[in-house]
Amino acid sequence: IAGNAALYANPDDHHDISDRMCKLMASPELRTELVRKGREKVKEFSWDKTADGLWNTIESLNIGKDA
């Protein structure tokens, strides 16, 4: 979901998580860049798009329709 607007870490590796957190703490430029990318990424999502996608999925299942 976050695409290139996030730093990814192995959730089972606390050293990897710590490394990513330290990178964010040490680099204001990285934080600024990720925030900028995040603000762009968020434009891809909305409740209307989610509702439309869900409705289209429900309709594609043909639930309750005679075959």
PDB file of N, CA and C in Angstrom:
ATOM      1  N   ILE A   1       0.822  -1.197   0.000  1.00  0.00           N
ATOM      2  CA  ILE A   1       0.000   0.000   0.000  1.00  0.00           C
ATOM      3  C   ILE A   1       0.863   1.256   0.000  1.00  0.00           C
ATOM      4  N   ALA A   2       1.906   1.257   0.768  1.00  0.00           N
ATOM      5  CA  ALA A   2       2.724   2.462   0.901  1.00  0.00           C
ATOM      6  C   ALA A   2       3.653   2.687  -0.290  1.00  0.00           C
ATOM      7  N   GLY A   3       3.899   1.645  -1.073  1.00  0.00           N
ATOM      8  CA  GLY A   3       4.778   1.802  -2.222  1.00  0.00           C
ATOM      9  C   GLY A   3       6.155   2.302  -1.820  1.00  0.00           C
ATOM     10  N   ASN A   4       6.627   3.322  -2.508  1.00  0.00           N
ATOM     11  CA  ASN A   4       7.958   3.856  -2.207  1.00  0.00           C
ATOM     12  C   ASN A   4       7.910   4.992  -1.191  1.00  0.00           C
ATOM     13  N   ALA A   5       6.776   5.118  -0.494  1.00  0.00           N
ATOM     14  CA  ALA A   5       6.623   6.167   0.510  1.00  0.00           C
ATOM     15  C   ALA A   5       6.888   5.640   1.923  1.00  0.00           C
ATOM     16  N   ALA A   6       7.567   4.505   2.021  1.00  0.00           N
ATOM     17  CA  ALA A   6       7.842   3.917   3.322  1.00  0.00           C
ATOM     18  C   ALA A   6       9.163   3.169   3.289  1.00  0.00           C
ATOM     19  N   LEU A   7       9.718   2.981   4.449  1.00  0.00           N
ATOM     20  CA  LEU A   7      10.855   2.085   4.602  1.00  0.00           C
ATOM     21  C   LEU A   7      10.295   0.759   5.096  1.00  0.00           C
ATOM     22  N   TYR A   8      10.654  -0.295   4.445  1.00  0.00           N
ATOM     23  CA  TYR A   8      10.144  -1.608   4.824  1.00  0.00           C
ATOM     24  C   TYR A   8      11.190  -2.350   5.645  1.00  0.00           C
ATOM     25  N   ALA A   9      10.708  -3.134   6.590  1.00  0.00           N
ATOM     26  CA  ALA A   9      11.589  -3.925   7.438  1.00  0.00           C
ATOM     27  C   ALA A   9      10.962  -5.289   7.654  1.00  0.00           C
ATOM     28  N   ASN A  10      11.795  -6.248   7.943  1.00  0.00           N
ATOM     29  CA  ASN A  10      11.327  -7.587   8.275  1.00  0.00           C
ATOM     30  C   ASN A  10      10.664  -7.522   9.650  1.00  0.00           C
ATOM     31  N   PRO A  11       9.374  -7.814   9.738  1.00  0.00           N
ATOM     32  CA  PRO A  11       8.673  -7.691  11.028  1.00  0.00           C
ATOM     33  C   PRO A  11       9.155  -8.696  12.071  1.00  0.00           C
ATOM     34  N   ASP A  12       9.883  -9.707  11.645  1.00  0.00           N
ATOM     35  CA  ASP A  12      10.400 -10.711  12.574  1.00  0.00           C
ATOM     36  C   ASP A  12      11.846 -10.436  12.994  1.00  0.00           C
ATOM     37  N   ASP A  13      12.397  -9.309  12.538  1.00  0.00           N
ATOM     38  CA  ASP A  13      13.795  -9.000  12.818  1.00  0.00           C
ATOM     39  C   ASP A  13      13.896  -7.640  13.495  1.00  0.00           C
ATOM     40  N   HIS A  14      14.031  -7.650  14.822  1.00  0.00           N
ATOM     41  CA  HIS A  14      14.059  -6.374  15.539  1.00  0.00           C
ATOM     42  C   HIS A  14      15.275  -5.529  15.172  1.00  0.00           C
ATOM     43  N   HIS A  15      16.358  -6.154  14.715  1.00  0.00           N
ATOM     44  CA  HIS A  15      17.519  -5.386  14.264  1.00  0.00           C
ATOM     45  C   HIS A  15      17.194  -4.633  12.977  1.00  0.00           C
ATOM     46  N   ASP A  16      16.462  -5.263  12.093  1.00  0.00           N
ATOM     47  CA  ASP A  16      16.072  -4.622  10.834  1.00  0.00           C
ATOM     48  C   ASP A  16      15.122  -3.451  11.109  1.00  0.00           C
ATOM     49  N   ILE A  17      14.175  -3.654  11.997  1.00  0.00           N
ATOM     50  CA  ILE A  17      13.245  -2.574  12.365  1.00  0.00           C
ATOM     51  C   ILE A  17      14.016  -1.415  12.988  1.00  0.00           C
ATOM     52  N   SER A  18      14.922  -1.739  13.903  1.00  0.00           N
ATOM     53  CA  SER A  18      15.742  -0.716  14.561  1.00  0.00           C
ATOM     54  C   SER A  18      16.574   0.057  13.543  1.00  0.00           C
ATOM     55  N   ASP A  19      17.148  -0.660  12.584  1.00  0.00           N
ATOM     56  CA  ASP A  19      17.964  -0.011  11.547  1.00  0.00           C
ATOM     57  C   ASP A  19      17.140   1.009  10.771  1.00  0.00           C
ATOM     58  N   ARG A  20      15.920   0.642  10.390  1.00  0.00           N
ATOM     59  CA  ARG A  20      15.062   1.572   9.634  1.00  0.00           C
ATOM     60  C   ARG A  20      14.691   2.789  10.487  1.00  0.00           C
ATOM     61  N   MET A  21      14.409   2.547  11.755  1.00  0.00           N
ATOM     62  CA  MET A  21      14.055   3.657  12.647  1.00  0.00           C
ATOM     63  C   MET A  21      15.237   4.610  12.821  1.00  0.00           C
ATOM     64  N   CYS A  22      16.430   4.049  12.947  1.00  0.00           N
ATOM     65  CA  CYS A  22      17.627   4.884  13.076  1.00  0.00           C
ATOM     66  C   CYS A  22      17.860   5.706  11.809  1.00  0.00           C
ATOM     67  N   LYS A  23      17.615   5.104  10.645  1.00  0.00           N
ATOM     68  CA  LYS A  23      17.750   5.855   9.391  1.00  0.00           C
ATOM     69  C   LYS A  23      16.811   7.051   9.365  1.00  0.00           C
ATOM     70  N   LEU A  24      15.585   6.856   9.826  1.00  0.00           N
ATOM     71  CA  LEU A  24      14.627   7.964   9.858  1.00  0.00           C
ATOM     72  C   LEU A  24      15.054   9.048  10.844  1.00  0.00           C
ATOM     73  N   MET A  25      15.557   8.627  11.980  1.00  0.00           N
ATOM     74  CA  MET A  25      15.999   9.598  12.989  1.00  0.00           C
ATOM     75  C   MET A  25      17.200  10.402  12.485  1.00  0.00           C
ATOM     76  N   ALA A  26      18.100   9.747  11.758  1.00  0.00           N
ATOM     77  CA  ALA A  26      19.352  10.386  11.347  1.00  0.00           C
ATOM     78  C   ALA A  26      19.225  11.230  10.092  1.00  0.00           C
ATOM     79  N   SER A  27      18.150  11.059   9.346  1.00  0.00           N
ATOM     80  CA  SER A  27      18.071  11.733   8.056  1.00  0.00           C
ATOM     81  C   SER A  27      16.792  12.553   7.896  1.00  0.00           C
ATOM     82  N   PRO A  28      16.865  13.846   8.198  1.00  0.00           N
ATOM     83  CA  PRO A  28      15.696  14.702   7.972  1.00  0.00           C
ATOM     84  C   PRO A  28      15.289  14.719   6.497  1.00  0.00           C
ATOM     85  N   GLU A  29      16.281  14.583   5.607  1.00  0.00           N
ATOM     86  CA  GLU A  29      15.981  14.578   4.173  1.00  0.00           C
ATOM     87  C   GLU A  29      15.148  13.358   3.799  1.00  0.00           C
ATOM     88  N   LEU A  30      15.496  12.211   4.359  1.00  0.00           N
ATOM     89  CA  LEU A  30      14.734  10.991   4.099  1.00  0.00           C
ATOM     90  C   LEU A  30      13.308  11.129   4.617  1.00  0.00           C
ATOM     91  N   ARG A  31      13.169  11.659   5.833  1.00  0.00           N
ATOM     92  CA  ARG A  31      11.821  11.859   6.392  1.00  0.00           C
ATOM     93  C   ARG A  31      10.996  12.774   5.502  1.00  0.00           C
ATOM     94  N   THR A  32      11.582  13.871   5.072  1.00  0.00           N
ATOM     95  CA  THR A  32      10.873  14.825   4.214  1.00  0.00           C
ATOM     96  C   THR A  32      10.458  14.167   2.907  1.00  0.00           C
ATOM     97  N   GLU A  33      11.369  13.387   2.323  1.00  0.00           N
ATOM     98  CA  GLU A  33      11.070  12.706   1.061  1.00  0.00           C
ATOM     99  C   GLU A  33       9.943  11.687   1.230  1.00  0.00           C
ATOM    100  N   LEU A  34       9.971  10.926   2.309  1.00  0.00           N
ATOM    101  CA  LEU A  34       8.916   9.937   2.532  1.00  0.00           C
ATOM    102  C   LEU A  34       7.569  10.608   2.798  1.00  0.00           C
ATOM    103  N   VAL A  35       7.581  11.709   3.503  1.00  0.00           N
ATOM    104  CA  VAL A  35       6.332  12.457   3.731  1.00  0.00           C
ATOM    105  C   VAL A  35       5.778  12.958   2.404  1.00  0.00           C
ATOM    106  N   ARG A  36       6.662  13.509   1.560  1.00  0.00           N
ATOM    107  CA  ARG A  36       6.216  14.001   0.250  1.00  0.00           C
ATOM    108  C   ARG A  36       5.611  12.866  -0.574  1.00  0.00           C
ATOM    109  N   LYS A  37       6.312  11.745  -0.616  1.00  0.00           N
ATOM    110  CA  LYS A  37       5.807  10.597  -1.366  1.00  0.00           C
ATOM    111  C   LYS A  37       4.499  10.073  -0.765  1.00  0.00           C
ATOM    112  N   GLY A  38       4.398  10.103   0.541  1.00  0.00           N
ATOM    113  CA  GLY A  38       3.169   9.666   1.204  1.00  0.00           C
ATOM    114  C   GLY A  38       1.981  10.546   0.853  1.00  0.00           C
ATOM    115  N   ARG A  39       2.211  11.831   0.780  1.00  0.00           N
ATOM    116  CA  ARG A  39       1.124  12.754   0.401  1.00  0.00           C
ATOM    117  C   ARG A  39       0.657  12.510  -1.023  1.00  0.00           C
ATOM    118  N   GLU A  40       1.558  12.110  -1.893  1.00  0.00           N
ATOM    119  CA  GLU A  40       1.173  11.754  -3.265  1.00  0.00           C
ATOM    120  C   GLU A  40       0.439  10.410  -3.278  1.00  0.00           C
ATOM    121  N   LYS A  41       0.951   9.465  -2.524  1.00  0.00           N
ATOM    122  CA  LYS A  41       0.377   8.116  -2.498  1.00  0.00           C
ATOM    123  C   LYS A  41      -1.060   8.128  -1.974  1.00  0.00           C
ATOM    124  N   VAL A  42      -1.337   8.950  -0.997  1.00  0.00           N
ATOM    125  CA  VAL A  42      -2.660   8.974  -0.376  1.00  0.00           C
ATOM    126  C   VAL A  42      -3.749   9.395  -1.376  1.00  0.00           C
ATOM    127  N   LYS A  43      -3.361  10.088  -2.423  1.00  0.00           N
ATOM    128  CA  LYS A  43      -4.324  10.520  -3.437  1.00  0.00           C
ATOM    129  C   LYS A  43      -4.904   9.334  -4.216  1.00  0.00           C
ATOM    130  N   GLU A  44      -4.234   8.184  -4.144  1.00  0.00           N
ATOM    131  CA  GLU A  44      -4.712   6.993  -4.846  1.00  0.00           C
ATOM    132  C   GLU A  44      -5.879   6.312  -4.123  1.00  0.00           C
ATOM    133  N   PHE A  45      -6.138   6.724  -2.892  1.00  0.00           N
ATOM    134  CA  PHE A  45      -7.131   6.042  -2.078  1.00  0.00           C
ATOM    135  C   PHE A  45      -8.247   6.975  -1.667  1.00  0.00           C
ATOM    136  N   SER A  46      -9.461   6.430  -1.605  1.00  0.00           N
ATOM    137  CA  SER A  46     -10.598   7.181  -1.087  1.00  0.00           C
ATOM    138  C   SER A  46     -11.686   6.185  -0.684  1.00  0.00           C
ATOM    139  N   TRP A  47     -12.601   6.638   0.141  1.00  0.00           N
ATOM    140  CA  TRP A  47     -13.716   5.781   0.535  1.00  0.00           C
ATOM    141  C   TRP A  47     -14.576   5.446  -0.674  1.00  0.00           C
ATOM    142  N   ASP A  48     -14.748   6.391  -1.582  1.00  0.00           N
ATOM    143  CA  ASP A  48     -15.564   6.141  -2.768  1.00  0.00           C
ATOM    144  C   ASP A  48     -14.949   5.046  -3.643  1.00  0.00           C
ATOM    145  N   LYS A  49     -13.634   5.111  -3.866  1.00  0.00           N
ATOM    146  CA  LYS A  49     -12.977   4.069  -4.658  1.00  0.00           C
ATOM    147  C   LYS A  49     -13.086   2.710  -3.967  1.00  0.00           C
ATOM    148  N   THR A  50     -12.937   2.705  -2.650  1.00  0.00           N
ATOM    149  CA  THR A  50     -13.046   1.454  -1.898  1.00  0.00           C
ATOM    150  C   THR A  50     -14.446   0.882  -1.999  1.00  0.00           C
ATOM    151  N   ALA A  51     -15.445   1.737  -1.821  1.00  0.00           N
ATOM    152  CA  ALA A  51     -16.838   1.278  -1.902  1.00  0.00           C
ATOM    153  C   ALA A  51     -17.160   0.762  -3.303  1.00  0.00           C
ATOM    154  N   ASP A  52     -16.712   1.476  -4.329  1.00  0.00           N
ATOM    155  CA  ASP A  52     -16.950   1.023  -5.705  1.00  0.00           C
ATOM    156  C   ASP A  52     -16.286  -0.320  -5.965  1.00  0.00           C
ATOM    157  N   GLY A  53     -15.056  -0.478  -5.518  1.00  0.00           N
ATOM    158  CA  GLY A  53     -14.362  -1.741  -5.696  1.00  0.00           C
ATOM    159  C   GLY A  53     -15.041  -2.886  -4.988  1.00  0.00           C
ATOM    160  N   LEU A  54     -15.493  -2.641  -3.773  1.00  0.00           N
ATOM    161  CA  LEU A  54     -16.206  -3.669  -3.016  1.00  0.00           C
ATOM    162  C   LEU A  54     -17.514  -4.037  -3.717  1.00  0.00           C
ATOM    163  N   TRP A  55     -18.246  -3.028  -4.148  1.00  0.00           N
ATOM    164  CA  TRP A  55     -19.513  -3.292  -4.826  1.00  0.00           C
ATOM    165  C   TRP A  55     -19.297  -4.083  -6.116  1.00  0.00           C
ATOM    166  N   ASN A  56     -18.295  -3.718  -6.887  1.00  0.00           N
ATOM    167  CA  ASN A  56     -17.998  -4.446  -8.129  1.00  0.00           C
ATOM    168  C   ASN A  56     -17.636  -5.896  -7.840  1.00  0.00           C
ATOM    169  N   THR A  57     -16.914  -6.122  -6.764  1.00  0.00           N
ATOM    170  CA  THR A  57     -16.567  -7.491  -6.381  1.00  0.00           C
ATOM    171  C   THR A  57     -17.808  -8.277  -6.006  1.00  0.00           C
ATOM    172  N   ILE A  58     -18.686  -7.678  -5.227  1.00  0.00           N
ATOM    173  CA  ILE A  58     -19.930  -8.342  -4.829  1.00  0.00           C
ATOM    174  C   ILE A  58     -20.764  -8.677  -6.055  1.00  0.00           C
ATOM    175  N   GLU A  59     -20.896  -7.734  -6.965  1.00  0.00           N
ATOM    176  CA  GLU A  59     -21.684  -7.984  -8.171  1.00  0.00           C
ATOM    177  C   GLU A  59     -21.060  -9.096  -9.028  1.00  0.00           C
ATOM    178  N   SER A  60     -19.741  -9.167  -9.056  1.00  0.00           N
ATOM    179  CA  SER A  60     -19.092 -10.180  -9.878  1.00  0.00           C
ATOM    180  C   SER A  60     -19.291 -11.591  -9.333  1.00  0.00           C
ATOM    181  N   LEU A  61     -19.674 -11.713  -8.087  1.00  0.00           N
ATOM    182  CA  LEU A  61     -19.896 -13.023  -7.481  1.00  0.00           C
ATOM    183  C   LEU A  61     -21.255 -13.615  -7.852  1.00  0.00           C
ATOM    184  N   ASN A  62     -22.132 -12.797  -8.390  1.00  0.00           N
ATOM    185  CA  ASN A  62     -23.476 -13.224  -8.800  1.00  0.00           C
ATOM    186  C   ASN A  62     -24.249 -13.857  -7.645  1.00  0.00           C
ATOM    187  N   ILE A  63     -24.060 -13.353  -6.464  1.00  0.00           N
ATOM    188  CA  ILE A  63     -24.761 -13.897  -5.293  1.00  0.00           C
ATOM    189  C   ILE A  63     -26.247 -13.580  -5.410  1.00  0.00           C
ATOM    190  N   GLY A  64     -27.056 -14.599  -5.232  1.00  0.00           N
ATOM    191  CA  GLY A  64     -28.498 -14.416  -5.239  1.00  0.00           C
ATOM    192  C   GLY A  64     -29.117 -14.302  -6.611  1.00  0.00           C
ATOM    193  N   LYS A  65     -28.328 -14.460  -7.660  1.00  0.00           N
ATOM    194  CA  LYS A  65     -28.864 -14.373  -9.016  1.00  0.00           C
ATOM    195  C   LYS A  65     -29.057 -15.782  -9.551  1.00  0.00           C
ATOM    196  N   ASP A  66     -30.091 -15.945 -10.332  1.00  0.00           N
ATOM    197  CA  ASP A  66     -30.319 -17.243 -10.982  1.00  0.00           C
ATOM    198  C   ASP A  66     -29.298 -17.415 -12.106  1.00  0.00           C
ATOM    199  N   ALA A  67     -28.710 -18.583 -12.161  1.00  0.00           N
ATOM    200  CA  ALA A  67     -27.699 -18.839 -13.184  1.00  0.00           C
ATOM    201  C   ALA A  67     -28.349 -19.366 -14.451  1.00  0.00           C
TER     202      ALA A  67
END
